[in-house]
PDB file of N, CA and C in Angstrom:
ATOM      1  N   UNK A   1    -106.767  19.112  63.982  1.00  0.00           N
ATOM      2  CA  UNK A   1    -106.770  19.229  62.622  1.00  0.00           C
ATOM      3  C   UNK A   1    -105.295  18.740  62.026  1.00  0.00           C
ATOM      4  N   UNK A   2    -104.388  18.701  62.804  1.00  0.00           N
ATOM      5  CA  UNK A   2    -103.011  18.166  62.465  1.00  0.00           C
ATOM      6  C   UNK A   2    -103.243  16.773  61.845  1.00  0.00           C
ATOM      7  N   UNK A   3    -104.108  16.030  62.784  1.00  0.00           N
ATOM      8  CA  UNK A   3    -104.332  14.560  62.193  1.00  0.00           C
ATOM      9  C   UNK A   3    -104.901  14.609  60.772  1.00  0.00           C
ATOM     10  N   UNK A   4    -105.957  15.473  60.420  1.00  0.00           N
ATOM     11  CA  UNK A   4    -106.565  15.558  59.309  1.00  0.00           C
ATOM     12  C   UNK A   4    -105.491  15.747  57.998  1.00  0.00           C
ATOM     13  N   UNK A   5    -104.502  16.818  58.467  1.00  0.00           N
ATOM     14  CA  UNK A   5    -103.456  17.127  57.374  1.00  0.00           C
ATOM     15  C   UNK A   5    -102.642  15.906  57.334  1.00  0.00           C
ATOM     16  N   UNK A   6    -102.396  15.172  58.295  1.00  0.00           N
ATOM     17  CA  UNK A   6    -101.263  13.820  58.044  1.00  0.00           C
ATOM     18  C   UNK A   6    -102.219  12.772  57.346  1.00  0.00           C
ATOM     19  N   UNK A   7    -103.314  12.663  57.430  1.00  0.00           N
ATOM     20  CA  UNK A   7    -104.230  11.826  56.858  1.00  0.00           C
ATOM     21  C   UNK A   7    -104.282  12.080  55.308  1.00  0.00           C
ATOM     22  N   UNK A   8    -104.367  13.453  54.952  1.00  0.00           N
ATOM     23  CA  UNK A   8    -104.417  13.758  53.692  1.00  0.00           C
ATOM     24  C   UNK A   8    -103.154  13.476  53.062  1.00  0.00           C
ATOM     25  N   UNK A   9    -102.091  13.667  53.755  1.00  0.00           N
ATOM     26  CA  UNK A   9    -100.772  13.497  53.224  1.00  0.00           C
ATOM     27  C   UNK A   9    -100.494  11.968  52.957  1.00  0.00           C
ATOM     28  N   UNK A  10    -100.897  11.212  53.810  1.00  0.00           N
ATOM     29  CA  UNK A  10    -101.030   9.687  53.436  1.00  0.00           C
ATOM     30  C   UNK A  10    -101.759   9.311  52.196  1.00  0.00           C
ATOM     31  N   UNK A  11    -102.918   9.719  52.255  1.00  0.00           N
ATOM     32  CA  UNK A  11    -103.728   9.420  50.966  1.00  0.00           C
ATOM     33  C   UNK A  11    -103.184   9.904  49.784  1.00  0.00           C
ATOM     34  N   UNK A  12    -102.671  11.144  49.677  1.00  0.00           N
ATOM     35  CA  UNK A  12    -102.095  11.599  48.608  1.00  0.00           C
ATOM     36  C   UNK A  12    -100.789  10.956  48.143  1.00  0.00           C
ATOM     37  N   UNK A  13     -99.947  10.526  49.036  1.00  0.00           N
ATOM     38  CA  UNK A  13     -98.850   9.569  48.833  1.00  0.00           C
ATOM     39  C   UNK A  13     -99.184   8.480  48.052  1.00  0.00           C
ATOM     40  N   UNK A  14    -100.336   7.576  48.300  1.00  0.00           N
ATOM     41  CA  UNK A  14    -100.955   6.618  47.545  1.00  0.00           C
ATOM     42  C   UNK A  14    -101.507   6.988  46.491  1.00  0.00           C
ATOM     43  N   UNK A  15    -102.121   8.143  46.095  1.00  0.00           N
ATOM     44  CA  UNK A  15    -102.961   8.482  45.014  1.00  0.00           C
ATOM     45  C   UNK A  15    -102.152   9.121  43.963  1.00  0.00           C
ATOM     46  N   UNK A  16    -101.112  10.011  44.308  1.00  0.00           N
ATOM     47  CA  UNK A  16    -100.246  10.602  43.370  1.00  0.00           C
ATOM     48  C   UNK A  16     -99.620   9.735  42.368  1.00  0.00           C
ATOM     49  N   UNK A  17     -99.142   8.631  42.605  1.00  0.00           N
ATOM     50  CA  UNK A  17     -98.457   7.827  41.561  1.00  0.00           C
ATOM     51  C   UNK A  17     -99.505   7.322  40.598  1.00  0.00           C
ATOM     52  N   UNK A  18    -100.698   7.062  40.998  1.00  0.00           N
ATOM     53  CA  UNK A  18    -101.990   6.565  40.127  1.00  0.00           C
ATOM     54  C   UNK A  18    -102.217   7.757  38.999  1.00  0.00           C
ATOM     55  N   UNK A  19    -102.130   9.008  39.627  1.00  0.00           N
ATOM     56  CA  UNK A  19    -102.546  10.260  38.787  1.00  0.00           C
ATOM     57  C   UNK A  19    -101.363  10.240  37.802  1.00  0.00           C
ATOM     58  N   UNK A  20    -100.185  10.193  38.081  1.00  0.00           N
ATOM     59  CA  UNK A  20     -99.075  10.373  37.134  1.00  0.00           C
ATOM     60  C   UNK A  20     -99.160   9.292  35.964  1.00  0.00           C
ATOM     61  N   UNK A  21     -99.504   8.127  36.505  1.00  0.00           N
ATOM     62  CA  UNK A  21     -99.598   7.072  35.551  1.00  0.00           C
ATOM     63  C   UNK A  21    -100.670   7.347  34.501  1.00  0.00           C
ATOM     64  N   UNK A  22    -101.883   7.850  34.792  1.00  0.00           N
ATOM     65  CA  UNK A  22    -102.964   7.942  33.899  1.00  0.00           C
ATOM     66  C   UNK A  22    -102.841   9.302  33.262  1.00  0.00           C
ATOM     67  N   UNK A  23    -102.006  10.327  33.405  1.00  0.00           N
ATOM     68  CA  UNK A  23    -101.743  11.450  32.697  1.00  0.00           C
ATOM     69  C   UNK A  23    -100.734  11.285  31.687  1.00  0.00           C
ATOM     70  N   UNK A  24    -100.663  11.975  30.595  1.00  0.00           N
ATOM     71  CA  UNK A  24     -99.727  12.217  29.519  1.00  0.00           C
ATOM     72  C   UNK A  24     -99.805  13.471  28.895  1.00  0.00           C
ATOM     73  N   UNK A  25     -98.798  13.699  28.233  1.00  0.00           N
ATOM     74  CA  UNK A  25     -98.862  15.296  27.504  1.00  0.00           C
ATOM     75  C   UNK A  25    -100.105  15.428  26.661  1.00  0.00           C
ATOM     76  N   UNK A  26    -100.678  16.567  26.707  1.00  0.00           N
ATOM     77  CA  UNK A  26    -102.101  16.812  25.907  1.00  0.00           C
ATOM     78  C   UNK A  26    -101.762  17.884  24.907  1.00  0.00           C
ATOM     79  N   UNK A  27    -102.095  17.986  23.808  1.00  0.00           N
ATOM     80  CA  UNK A  27    -102.333  19.317  22.777  1.00  0.00           C
ATOM     81  C   UNK A  27    -103.444  20.021  23.389  1.00  0.00           C
ATOM     82  N   UNK A  28    -103.140  21.404  23.171  1.00  0.00           N
ATOM     83  CA  UNK A  28    -104.164  22.171  23.593  1.00  0.00           C
ATOM     84  C   UNK A  28    -104.787  22.955  22.520  1.00  0.00           C
ATOM     85  N   UNK A  29    -106.081  23.055  22.647  1.00  0.00           N
ATOM     86  CA  UNK A  29    -107.029  23.750  21.757  1.00  0.00           C
ATOM     87  C   UNK A  29    -106.971  25.265  22.321  1.00  0.00           C
ATOM     88  N   UNK A  30    -106.385  26.060  21.339  1.00  0.00           N
ATOM     89  CA  UNK A  30    -106.574  27.503  21.760  1.00  0.00           C
ATOM     90  C   UNK A  30    -107.255  28.359  21.022  1.00  0.00           C
ATOM     91  N   UNK A  31    -107.943  29.272  21.661  1.00  0.00           N
ATOM     92  CA  UNK A  31    -108.831  30.176  21.018  1.00  0.00           C
ATOM     93  C   UNK A  31    -108.026  31.072  19.852  1.00  0.00           C
ATOM     94  N   UNK A  32    -108.941  31.705  18.959  1.00  0.00           N
ATOM     95  CA  UNK A  32    -108.432  32.248  17.750  1.00  0.00           C
ATOM     96  C   UNK A  32    -107.897  33.637  18.345  1.00  0.00           C
ATOM     97  N   UNK A  33    -108.422  34.145  19.362  1.00  0.00           N
ATOM     98  CA  UNK A  33    -108.254  35.525  19.861  1.00  0.00           C
ATOM     99  C   UNK A  33    -106.879  35.577  20.442  1.00  0.00           C
ATOM    100  N   UNK A  34    -106.232  34.620  20.746  1.00  0.00           N
ATOM    101  CA  UNK A  34    -104.831  34.701  21.157  1.00  0.00           C
ATOM    102  C   UNK A  34    -103.674  35.151  20.459  1.00  0.00           C
ATOM    103  N   UNK A  35    -102.976  35.637  20.892  1.00  0.00           N
ATOM    104  CA  UNK A  35    -101.686  36.305  19.913  1.00  0.00           C
ATOM    105  C   UNK A  35    -100.858  35.108  19.899  1.00  0.00           C
ATOM    106  N   UNK A  36     -99.904  35.341  18.873  1.00  0.00           N
ATOM    107  CA  UNK A  36     -98.967  34.146  18.719  1.00  0.00           C
ATOM    108  C   UNK A  36     -97.962  33.818  19.913  1.00  0.00           C
ATOM    109  N   UNK A  37     -97.818  35.167  20.503  1.00  0.00           N
ATOM    110  CA  UNK A  37     -96.963  35.267  22.032  1.00  0.00           C
ATOM    111  C   UNK A  37     -97.774  34.493  22.910  1.00  0.00           C
ATOM    112  N   UNK A  38     -99.158  34.682  23.301  1.00  0.00           N
ATOM    113  CA  UNK A  38     -99.778  34.011  24.170  1.00  0.00           C
ATOM    114  C   UNK A  38     -99.939  32.552  23.886  1.00  0.00           C
ATOM    115  N   UNK A  39    -100.123  32.244  22.636  1.00  0.00           N
ATOM    116  CA  UNK A  39    -100.215  30.721  22.243  1.00  0.00           C
ATOM    117  C   UNK A  39     -98.965  30.252  22.729  1.00  0.00           C
ATOM    118  N   UNK A  40     -97.633  30.791  22.440  1.00  0.00           N
ATOM    119  CA  UNK A  40     -96.545  30.057  22.742  1.00  0.00           C
ATOM    120  C   UNK A  40     -96.401  29.955  24.292  1.00  0.00           C
ATOM    121  N   UNK A  41     -96.815  30.935  25.085  1.00  0.00           N
ATOM    122  CA  UNK A  41     -96.717  31.095  26.424  1.00  0.00           C
ATOM    123  C   UNK A  41     -97.616  29.773  27.097  1.00  0.00           C
ATOM    124  N   UNK A  42     -98.826  29.668  26.504  1.00  0.00           N
ATOM    125  CA  UNK A  42     -99.690  28.736  27.041  1.00  0.00           C
ATOM    126  C   UNK A  42     -99.139  27.122  26.525  1.00  0.00           C
ATOM    127  N   UNK A  43     -98.604  27.063  25.360  1.00  0.00           N
ATOM    128  CA  UNK A  43     -98.082  25.832  25.006  1.00  0.00           C
ATOM    129  C   UNK A  43     -96.655  25.513  25.840  1.00  0.00           C
ATOM    130  N   UNK A  44     -95.926  26.526  26.051  1.00  0.00           N
ATOM    131  CA  UNK A  44     -94.791  26.264  27.061  1.00  0.00           C
ATOM    132  C   UNK A  44     -95.299  25.846  28.466  1.00  0.00           C
ATOM    133  N   UNK A  45     -96.463  26.547  29.034  1.00  0.00           N
ATOM    134  CA  UNK A  45     -96.889  26.204  30.463  1.00  0.00           C
ATOM    135  C   UNK A  45     -97.590  24.763  30.335  1.00  0.00           C
ATOM    136  N   UNK A  46     -98.043  24.446  29.364  1.00  0.00           N
ATOM    137  CA  UNK A  46     -98.615  22.829  29.208  1.00  0.00           C
ATOM    138  C   UNK A  46     -97.403  21.858  29.237  1.00  0.00           C
ATOM    139  N   UNK A  47     -96.370  22.212  28.354  1.00  0.00           N
ATOM    140  CA  UNK A  47     -95.349  21.269  28.229  1.00  0.00           C
ATOM    141  C   UNK A  47     -94.559  20.954  29.547  1.00  0.00           C
ATOM    142  N   UNK A  48     -94.369  22.119  30.302  1.00  0.00           N
ATOM    143  CA  UNK A  48     -93.683  22.158  31.457  1.00  0.00           C
ATOM    144  C   UNK A  48     -94.488  21.400  32.568  1.00  0.00           C
ATOM    145  N   UNK A  49     -95.904  21.533  32.445  1.00  0.00           N
ATOM    146  CA  UNK A  49     -96.760  20.869  33.336  1.00  0.00           C
ATOM    147  C   UNK A  49     -97.714  19.812  32.967  1.00  0.00           C
ATOM    148  N   UNK A  50     -97.114  19.022  31.863  1.00  0.00           N
ATOM    149  CA  UNK A  50     -98.009  18.170  31.263  1.00  0.00           C
ATOM    150  C   UNK A  50     -98.701  17.150  32.034  1.00  0.00           C
ATOM    151  N   UNK A  51     -97.901  16.839  33.243  1.00  0.00           N
ATOM    152  CA  UNK A  51     -98.471  15.602  33.991  1.00  0.00           C
ATOM    153  C   UNK A  51     -99.716  16.050  34.861  1.00  0.00           C
ATOM    154  N   UNK A  52    -100.060  17.358  34.940  1.00  0.00           N
ATOM    155  CA  UNK A  52    -101.325  17.600  35.578  1.00  0.00           C
ATOM    156  C   UNK A  52    -102.419  17.920  34.832  1.00  0.00           C
ATOM    157  N   UNK A  53    -102.329  17.849  33.523  1.00  0.00           N
ATOM    158  CA  UNK A  53    -103.598  17.791  32.698  1.00  0.00           C
ATOM    159  C   UNK A  53    -104.139  16.543  32.186  1.00  0.00           C
ATOM    160  N   UNK A  54    -105.134  16.345  31.770  1.00  0.00           N
ATOM    161  CA  UNK A  54    -105.734  15.124  31.318  1.00  0.00           C
ATOM    162  C   UNK A  54    -106.548  15.409  29.972  1.00  0.00           C
ATOM    163  N   UNK A  55    -106.507  14.261  29.190  1.00  0.00           N
ATOM    164  CA  UNK A  55    -107.121  14.338  27.896  1.00  0.00           C
ATOM    165  C   UNK A  55    -108.627  14.369  28.089  1.00  0.00           C
ATOM    166  N   UNK A  56    -109.114  13.729  29.393  1.00  0.00           N
ATOM    167  CA  UNK A  56    -110.541  13.351  29.617  1.00  0.00           C
ATOM    168  C   UNK A  56    -111.135  14.491  30.507  1.00  0.00           C
ATOM    169  N   UNK A  57    -111.993  15.078  30.018  1.00  0.00           N
ATOM    170  CA  UNK A  57    -112.619  16.036  31.010  1.00  0.00           C
ATOM    171  C   UNK A  57    -113.628  15.550  31.766  1.00  0.00           C
ATOM    172  N   UNK A  58    -113.870  15.904  32.962  1.00  0.00           N
ATOM    173  CA  UNK A  58    -115.130  15.427  33.829  1.00  0.00           C
ATOM    174  C   UNK A  58    -114.470  15.272  35.089  1.00  0.00           C
ATOM    175  N   UNK A  59    -115.152  14.220  35.818  1.00  0.00           N
ATOM    176  CA  UNK A  59    -114.909  13.841  37.159  1.00  0.00           C
ATOM    177  C   UNK A  59    -113.759  12.954  37.407  1.00  0.00           C
ATOM    178  N   UNK A  60    -113.016  12.855  38.511  1.00  0.00           N
ATOM    179  CA  UNK A  60    -111.872  11.861  38.779  1.00  0.00           C
ATOM    180  C   UNK A  60    -112.545  10.610  39.370  1.00  0.00           C
ATOM    181  N   UNK A  61    -111.898   9.667  39.148  1.00  0.00           N
ATOM    182  CA  UNK A  61    -112.393   8.415  39.880  1.00  0.00           C
ATOM    183  C   UNK A  61    -111.220   7.903  40.816  1.00  0.00           C
ATOM    184  N   UNK A  62    -110.245   8.698  41.101  1.00  0.00           N
ATOM    185  CA  UNK A  62    -109.067   8.431  41.720  1.00  0.00           C
ATOM    186  C   UNK A  62    -109.052   8.528  43.264  1.00  0.00           C
ATOM    187  N   UNK A  63    -109.924   9.456  43.743  1.00  0.00           N
ATOM    188  CA  UNK A  63    -110.288   9.663  45.134  1.00  0.00           C
ATOM    189  C   UNK A  63    -111.675   9.813  45.311  1.00  0.00           C
ATOM    190  N   UNK A  64    -112.096   9.532  46.652  1.00  0.00           N
ATOM    191  CA  UNK A  64    -113.363   9.764  47.108  1.00  0.00           C
ATOM    192  C   UNK A  64    -113.155  10.525  48.513  1.00  0.00           C
ATOM    193  N   UNK A  65    -114.215  11.257  48.946  1.00  0.00           N
ATOM    194  CA  UNK A  65    -114.073  12.007  50.009  1.00  0.00           C
ATOM    195  C   UNK A  65    -115.474  12.028  50.783  1.00  0.00           C
ATOM    196  N   UNK A  66    -115.571  11.347  51.856  1.00  0.00           N
ATOM    197  CA  UNK A  66    -116.875  11.223  52.567  1.00  0.00           C
ATOM    198  C   UNK A  66    -117.300  12.535  53.174  1.00  0.00           C
ATOM    199  N   UNK A  67    -118.404  12.844  53.207  1.00  0.00           N
ATOM    200  CA  UNK A  67    -119.080  13.959  53.842  1.00  0.00           C
ATOM    201  C   UNK A  67    -120.139  13.530  54.599  1.00  0.00           C
ATOM    202  N   UNK A  68    -119.997  13.335  56.005  1.00  0.00           N
ATOM    203  CA  UNK A  68    -120.952  12.814  56.886  1.00  0.00           C
ATOM    204  C   UNK A  68    -121.849  13.978  57.336  1.00  0.00           C
ATOM    205  N   UNK A  69    -123.197  13.653  57.205  1.00  0.00           N
ATOM    206  CA  UNK A  69    -124.391  14.494  57.701  1.00  0.00           C
ATOM    207  C   UNK A  69    -125.195  13.790  58.504  1.00  0.00           C
ATOM    208  N   UNK A  70    -126.112  14.564  59.211  1.00  0.00           N
ATOM    209  CA  UNK A  70    -127.067  13.762  60.065  1.00  0.00           C
ATOM    210  C   UNK A  70    -128.277  13.365  59.205  1.00  0.00           C
ATOM    211  N   UNK A  71    -128.653  12.080  59.365  1.00  0.00           N
ATOM    212  CA  UNK A  71    -129.898  11.407  58.699  1.00  0.00           C
ATOM    213  C   UNK A  71    -131.204  12.427  58.753  1.00  0.00           C
ATOM    214  N   UNK A  72    -131.802  12.681  57.620  1.00  0.00           N
ATOM    215  CA  UNK A  72    -132.872  13.543  57.865  1.00  0.00           C
ATOM    216  C   UNK A  72    -132.701  14.880  57.871  1.00  0.00           C
ATOM    217  N   UNK A  73    -131.613  15.612  58.168  1.00  0.00           N
ATOM    218  CA  UNK A  73    -131.382  16.919  58.453  1.00  0.00           C
ATOM    219  C   UNK A  73    -130.717  17.531  57.247  1.00  0.00           C
ATOM    220  N   UNK A  74    -131.288  18.542  56.479  1.00  0.00           N
ATOM    221  CA  UNK A  74    -130.619  19.352  55.524  1.00  0.00           C
ATOM    222  C   UNK A  74    -129.715  20.160  55.925  1.00  0.00           C
ATOM    223  N   UNK A  75    -128.462  20.268  54.998  1.00  0.00           N
ATOM    224  CA  UNK A  75    -127.380  21.117  55.301  1.00  0.00           C
ATOM    225  C   UNK A  75    -127.549  22.375  54.494  1.00  0.00           C
ATOM    226  N   UNK A  76    -127.558  23.435  55.267  1.00  0.00           N
ATOM    227  CA  UNK A  76    -127.667  24.738  54.374  1.00  0.00           C
ATOM    228  C   UNK A  76    -127.000  25.744  55.239  1.00  0.00           C
ATOM    229  N   UNK A  77    -125.763  26.020  54.785  1.00  0.00           N
ATOM    230  CA  UNK A  77    -124.978  27.127  55.294  1.00  0.00           C
ATOM    231  C   UNK A  77    -124.696  28.088  54.321  1.00  0.00           C
ATOM    232  N   UNK A  78    -124.720  29.528  54.866  1.00  0.00           N
ATOM    233  CA  UNK A  78    -124.516  30.594  54.103  1.00  0.00           C
ATOM    234  C   UNK A  78    -122.761  30.905  54.037  1.00  0.00           C
ATOM    235  N   UNK A  79    -122.480  31.302  52.891  1.00  0.00           N
ATOM    236  CA  UNK A  79    -120.984  31.682  52.900  1.00  0.00           C
ATOM    237  C   UNK A  79    -120.634  32.705  53.910  1.00  0.00           C
ATOM    238  N   UNK A  80    -119.450  32.597  54.597  1.00  0.00           N
ATOM    239  CA  UNK A  80    -119.023  33.558  55.521  1.00  0.00           C
ATOM    240  C   UNK A  80    -117.444  33.548  55.452  1.00  0.00           C
ATOM    241  N   UNK A  81    -117.101  34.837  55.944  1.00  0.00           N
ATOM    242  CA  UNK A  81    -115.559  35.204  55.902  1.00  0.00           C
ATOM    243  C   UNK A  81    -115.014  34.452  56.961  1.00  0.00           C
ATOM    244  N   UNK A  82    -113.788  33.928  56.822  1.00  0.00           N
ATOM    245  CA  UNK A  82    -112.950  33.209  57.846  1.00  0.00           C
ATOM    246  C   UNK A  82    -112.189  34.445  58.650  1.00  0.00           C
ATOM    247  N   UNK A  83    -112.444  34.505  60.000  1.00  0.00           N
ATOM    248  CA  UNK A  83    -111.766  35.558  60.865  1.00  0.00           C
ATOM    249  C   UNK A  83    -110.147  35.428  60.621  1.00  0.00           C
ATOM    250  N   UNK A  84    -109.427  36.748  60.795  1.00  0.00           N
ATOM    251  CA  UNK A  84    -108.150  36.815  60.483  1.00  0.00           C
ATOM    252  C   UNK A  84    -107.386  35.924  61.499  1.00  0.00           C
ATOM    253  N   UNK A  85    -107.640  35.618  62.639  1.00  0.00           N
ATOM    254  CA  UNK A  85    -107.022  34.789  63.585  1.00  0.00           C
ATOM    255  C   UNK A  85    -106.992  33.259  62.981  1.00  0.00           C
ATOM    256  N   UNK A  86    -108.187  32.859  62.460  1.00  0.00           N
ATOM    257  CA  UNK A  86    -108.344  31.378  61.977  1.00  0.00           C
ATOM    258  C   UNK A  86    -107.615  31.314  60.625  1.00  0.00           C
ATOM    259  N   UNK A  87    -107.409  32.540  59.805  1.00  0.00           N
ATOM    260  CA  UNK A  87    -106.664  32.361  58.537  1.00  0.00           C
ATOM    261  C   UNK A  87    -105.320  32.084  58.749  1.00  0.00           C
ATOM    262  N   UNK A  88    -104.745  32.595  59.864  1.00  0.00           N
ATOM    263  CA  UNK A  88    -103.264  32.211  60.095  1.00  0.00           C
ATOM    264  C   UNK A  88    -103.263  30.740  60.362  1.00  0.00           C
ATOM    265  N   UNK A  89    -104.107  30.264  61.089  1.00  0.00           N
ATOM    266  CA  UNK A  89    -104.097  28.910  61.503  1.00  0.00           C
ATOM    267  C   UNK A  89    -104.221  27.833  60.343  1.00  0.00           C
ATOM    268  N   UNK A  90    -105.238  28.302  59.279  1.00  0.00           N
ATOM    269  CA  UNK A  90    -105.128  27.605  58.150  1.00  0.00           C
ATOM    270  C   UNK A  90    -103.998  27.767  57.316  1.00  0.00           C
ATOM    271  N   UNK A  91    -103.475  29.009  57.169  1.00  0.00           N
ATOM    272  CA  UNK A  91    -102.461  29.151  56.379  1.00  0.00           C
ATOM    273  C   UNK A  91    -100.991  28.255  57.007  1.00  0.00           C
ATOM    274  N   UNK A  92    -100.984  28.080  58.349  1.00  0.00           N
ATOM    275  CA  UNK A  92    -100.011  27.250  58.944  1.00  0.00           C
ATOM    276  C   UNK A  92    -100.357  25.721  58.534  1.00  0.00           C
ATOM    277  N   UNK A  93    -101.498  25.354  58.493  1.00  0.00           N
ATOM    278  CA  UNK A  93    -101.785  24.004  58.139  1.00  0.00           C
ATOM    279  C   UNK A  93    -101.528  23.634  56.825  1.00  0.00           C
ATOM    280  N   UNK A  94    -101.748  24.693  55.950  1.00  0.00           N
ATOM    281  CA  UNK A  94    -101.611  24.373  54.531  1.00  0.00           C
ATOM    282  C   UNK A  94    -100.105  24.145  54.144  1.00  0.00           C
ATOM    283  N   UNK A  95     -99.247  25.216  55.019  1.00  0.00           N
ATOM    284  CA  UNK A  95     -97.804  25.090  54.665  1.00  0.00           C
ATOM    285  C   UNK A  95     -97.356  23.645  55.468  1.00  0.00           C
ATOM    286  N   UNK A  96     -97.819  23.019  56.255  1.00  0.00           N
ATOM    287  CA  UNK A  96     -97.377  21.701  56.847  1.00  0.00           C
ATOM    288  C   UNK A  96     -97.882  20.716  55.622  1.00  0.00           C
ATOM    289  N   UNK A  97     -99.084  20.771  55.085  1.00  0.00           N
ATOM    290  CA  UNK A  97     -99.493  19.862  54.156  1.00  0.00           C
ATOM    291  C   UNK A  97     -98.540  19.903  52.983  1.00  0.00           C
ATOM    292  N   UNK A  98     -97.983  20.765  52.617  1.00  0.00           N
ATOM    293  CA  UNK A  98     -96.898  21.080  51.546  1.00  0.00           C
ATOM    294  C   UNK A  98     -95.555  20.508  51.832  1.00  0.00           C
ATOM    295  N   UNK A  99     -95.127  20.273  52.956  1.00  0.00           N
ATOM    296  CA  UNK A  99     -93.919  19.872  53.384  1.00  0.00           C
ATOM    297  C   UNK A  99     -93.897  18.369  53.628  1.00  0.00           C
TER     298      UNK A  99
END
């Protein structure tokens, strides 16, 4: 799994500059039900994090992720809880991917 984390880090290192180039500050359409204070808080949030918002809604074309399946076999999995011991491993991997 560590190899996977490293692979993701490498991909993000090449993808992130493309994302930053494609994004620019956006104006937010706000619902009428928001109070002036909520409107200001939302606008401040957008202004601080403008580089993660896009004016184009929809799907991204910046990254693709292959999902390999067996030919002719349907994939059908039920949602399940992750055991506590596995959660610790996942949390450690997420921590590694952020550094």
